[in-house]
Every structure is written in C-alpha cells, then in structure tokens.
Amino acid sequence: MCSFSVSSGLGVMVARILRPEPKVITDPVVSQDAEPEFQSPKERECWQLYRRMLEKGVSVSYDTVLR
C-alpha cells in the first residue's frame, strides 16, 4: 500500500492506492479413489476411462470423456 499523494492531472489528489486482500479459494478435498454416484452404466464406464487416462498422464476432463 502506498502512503504518498499523487496528482492525477485532473485536479484529484490520490492519497493512497488500496489493493484488495488476496482470497484463498479452497476446493473441497476429494479422494483420488473416491467414485461419485452414477446415473447410468455409461457414466461409470466413462469415469473408469477418465481415471485410466489421468493415471497415464493425459490431461482431460471427465465431461470430455463423457461426451
């Protein structure tokens, strides 16, 4: 935070610049082995494929595999 005055050139004096405090966003902790509840057998198969792809290092979302 700055504590000096600066003229903005429009007749306005700025006493200090306020910066928002960084917010820590935490995601809920989900176990790697946790398996969500599925609505259909296809969703379960896609989940298993998604997990295998992650283990091999492929960066893909579950939604992409589900399509």
Protein backbone atom coordinates (compact mmCIF):
# COMPACT_ATOMS: atom_id res chain seq x y z
CA MET A 1 0.00 0.00 0.00
CA CYS A 2 1.37 3.43 -0.97
CA SER A 3 1.29 6.29 1.55
CA PHE A 4 2.15 9.29 -0.63
CA SER A 5 -0.05 11.76 -2.53
CA VAL A 6 -0.05 11.95 -6.29
CA SER A 7 -1.84 14.33 -8.63
CA SER A 8 -3.78 12.51 -11.33
CA GLY A 9 -3.73 15.58 -13.61
CA LEU A 10 -7.49 16.08 -13.36
CA GLY A 11 -7.47 18.07 -10.14
CA VAL A 12 -7.82 14.96 -8.00
CA MET A 13 -5.31 14.04 -5.34
CA VAL A 14 -4.81 10.37 -4.64
CA ALA A 15 -3.79 9.75 -1.05
CA ARG A 16 -3.08 6.04 -1.38
CA ILE A 17 -3.86 3.08 -3.54
CA LEU A 18 -5.93 0.33 -1.97
CA ARG A 19 -5.36 -3.19 -3.13
CA PRO A 20 -7.81 -5.97 -2.34
CA GLU A 21 -6.61 -8.68 0.00
CA PRO A 22 -5.93 -11.93 -1.84
CA LYS A 23 -8.65 -14.50 -1.21
CA VAL A 24 -7.72 -18.10 -0.74
CA ILE A 25 -10.10 -20.34 -2.64
CA THR A 26 -10.12 -23.88 -1.39
CA ASP A 27 -11.60 -26.74 -3.34
CA PRO A 28 -13.29 -29.49 -1.42
CA VAL A 29 -10.89 -32.32 -0.81
CA VAL A 30 -11.83 -35.34 -2.89
CA SER A 31 -10.02 -38.60 -2.50
CA GLN A 32 -8.33 -39.85 -5.66
CA ASP A 33 -10.09 -43.18 -5.22
CA ALA A 34 -13.50 -41.67 -4.44
CA GLU A 35 -16.03 -42.69 -7.04
CA PRO A 36 -19.11 -40.49 -7.46
CA GLU A 37 -22.62 -41.88 -7.79
CA PHE A 38 -23.56 -42.54 -11.40
CA GLN A 39 -26.91 -42.25 -13.15
CA SER A 40 -26.11 -44.81 -15.85
CA PRO A 41 -23.64 -47.58 -16.71
CA LYS A 42 -22.18 -45.29 -19.42
CA GLU A 43 -21.22 -42.71 -16.79
CA ARG A 44 -19.42 -45.41 -14.77
CA GLU A 45 -17.52 -46.64 -17.85
CA CYS A 46 -16.53 -43.08 -18.76
CA TRP A 47 -15.37 -42.47 -15.18
CA GLN A 48 -13.15 -45.56 -15.31
CA LEU A 49 -11.73 -44.47 -18.68
CA TYR A 50 -11.16 -40.95 -17.32
CA ARG A 51 -9.26 -42.35 -14.28
CA ARG A 52 -7.07 -44.56 -16.53
CA MET A 53 -6.28 -41.57 -18.77
CA LEU A 54 -5.27 -39.48 -15.74
CA GLU A 55 -3.00 -42.25 -14.50
CA LYS A 56 -1.26 -42.29 -17.92
CA GLY A 57 -0.73 -38.51 -17.73
CA VAL A 58 -3.40 -37.45 -20.22
CA SER A 59 -4.92 -34.09 -19.26
CA VAL A 60 -8.62 -34.38 -19.98
CA SER A 61 -11.83 -33.52 -18.16
CA TYR A 62 -14.47 -36.04 -17.19
CA ASP A 63 -17.06 -34.09 -19.18
CA THR A 64 -14.97 -34.50 -22.34
CA VAL A 65 -14.72 -38.26 -21.84
CA LEU A 66 -18.45 -38.45 -21.09
CA ARG A 67 -19.27 -36.96 -24.50
